[in-house]
Amino acid sequence: MSTRTSRPARAPHPAAPLPAPRTAARTVLRLTTLTATAADPKLPTPLMSLTYSGQMIVGTMVAVAGAHFFAEREAARCD
């Protein structure tokens, strides 16, 4: 038979700090960092990287939509 008592209660975790509210100043500050020049002139600027990412996302969506369209067209043709 064990003489061990139950574990002591743990202290509750402190609540996570609340995120800072979004303000117009913070948004403008974030947008202005997109136009900052890269430290190395051979590297793309943040705005150019964002533009490239957008192009890749749109291109992927177009490719998926095209593949879906052609798959439906092929299925309708075979029926």
Protein backbone atom coordinates (compact mmCIF):
# COMPACT_ATOMS: atom_id res chain seq x y z
CA MET A 1 0.00 0.00 0.00
CA SER A 2 1.36 3.39 -0.96
CA THR A 3 1.73 6.18 1.56
CA ARG A 4 2.23 8.76 -1.15
CA THR A 5 -0.19 11.66 -1.19
CA SER A 6 -1.60 13.21 -4.31
CA ARG A 7 0.39 15.76 -6.22
CA PRO A 8 0.16 19.36 -5.14
CA ALA A 9 -1.97 21.51 -7.40
CA ARG A 10 -0.03 23.35 -10.06
CA ALA A 11 -0.20 27.08 -10.31
CA PRO A 12 -2.24 28.17 -13.31
CA HIS A 13 -0.32 29.33 -16.34
CA PRO A 14 -0.22 33.07 -16.70
CA ALA A 15 -2.46 34.30 -19.47
CA ALA A 16 -0.74 34.98 -22.76
CA PRO A 17 -0.21 38.66 -23.40
CA LEU A 18 -2.90 40.19 -25.56
CA PRO A 19 -1.81 41.17 -29.05
CA ALA A 20 -1.42 44.86 -29.64
CA PRO A 21 -4.42 46.38 -31.37
CA ARG A 22 -3.99 47.12 -35.05
CA THR A 23 -3.72 50.76 -35.69
CA ALA A 24 -3.41 52.78 -38.85
CA ALA A 25 0.10 53.80 -37.84
CA ARG A 26 1.23 50.18 -37.53
CA THR A 27 -0.31 49.31 -40.88
CA VAL A 28 1.38 52.24 -42.60
CA LEU A 29 4.65 51.31 -40.94
CA ARG A 30 4.37 47.77 -42.27
CA LEU A 31 3.52 48.98 -45.76
CA THR A 32 6.48 51.34 -45.83
CA THR A 33 8.86 48.48 -45.10
CA LEU A 34 7.80 46.88 -48.39
CA THR A 35 9.43 49.71 -50.31
CA ALA A 36 12.71 49.53 -48.39
CA THR A 37 15.75 48.72 -50.46
CA ALA A 38 17.60 45.50 -49.87
CA ALA A 39 20.93 45.70 -48.06
CA ASP A 40 22.66 43.97 -50.98
CA PRO A 41 21.87 45.49 -54.39
CA LYS A 42 21.86 42.00 -55.92
CA LEU A 43 18.94 40.91 -53.70
CA PRO A 44 15.32 41.70 -54.60
CA THR A 45 13.44 44.28 -52.56
CA PRO A 46 10.68 43.08 -50.22
CA LEU A 47 8.04 44.50 -52.57
CA MET A 48 9.51 42.55 -55.49
CA SER A 49 9.53 39.36 -53.40
CA LEU A 50 5.88 39.94 -52.49
CA THR A 51 5.00 40.54 -56.14
CA TYR A 52 6.79 37.34 -57.19
CA SER A 53 4.99 35.35 -54.48
CA GLY A 54 1.65 36.72 -55.67
CA GLN A 55 2.45 35.75 -59.25
CA MET A 56 3.35 32.21 -58.20
CA ILE A 57 0.14 31.82 -56.17
CA VAL A 58 -2.03 33.12 -59.03
CA GLY A 59 -0.19 30.90 -61.52
CA THR A 60 -0.75 27.83 -59.35
CA MET A 61 -4.44 28.65 -59.00
CA VAL A 62 -4.80 29.03 -62.79
CA ALA A 63 -3.01 25.72 -63.38
CA VAL A 64 -5.26 23.91 -60.88
CA ALA A 65 -8.40 25.45 -62.37
CA GLY A 66 -7.25 24.50 -65.87
CA ALA A 67 -6.49 20.93 -64.83
CA HIS A 68 -9.91 20.67 -63.18
CA PHE A 69 -11.63 22.05 -66.29
CA PHE A 70 -9.83 19.67 -68.65
CA ALA A 71 -10.48 16.68 -66.35
CA GLU A 72 -14.22 17.46 -66.34
CA ARG A 73 -14.18 17.95 -70.11
CA GLU A 74 -12.44 14.60 -70.63
CA ALA A 75 -14.89 12.86 -68.29
CA ALA A 76 -17.86 14.35 -70.15
CA ARG A 77 -16.39 13.31 -73.50
CA CYS A 78 -15.86 9.70 -72.40
CA ASP A 79 -19.44 9.22 -71.15
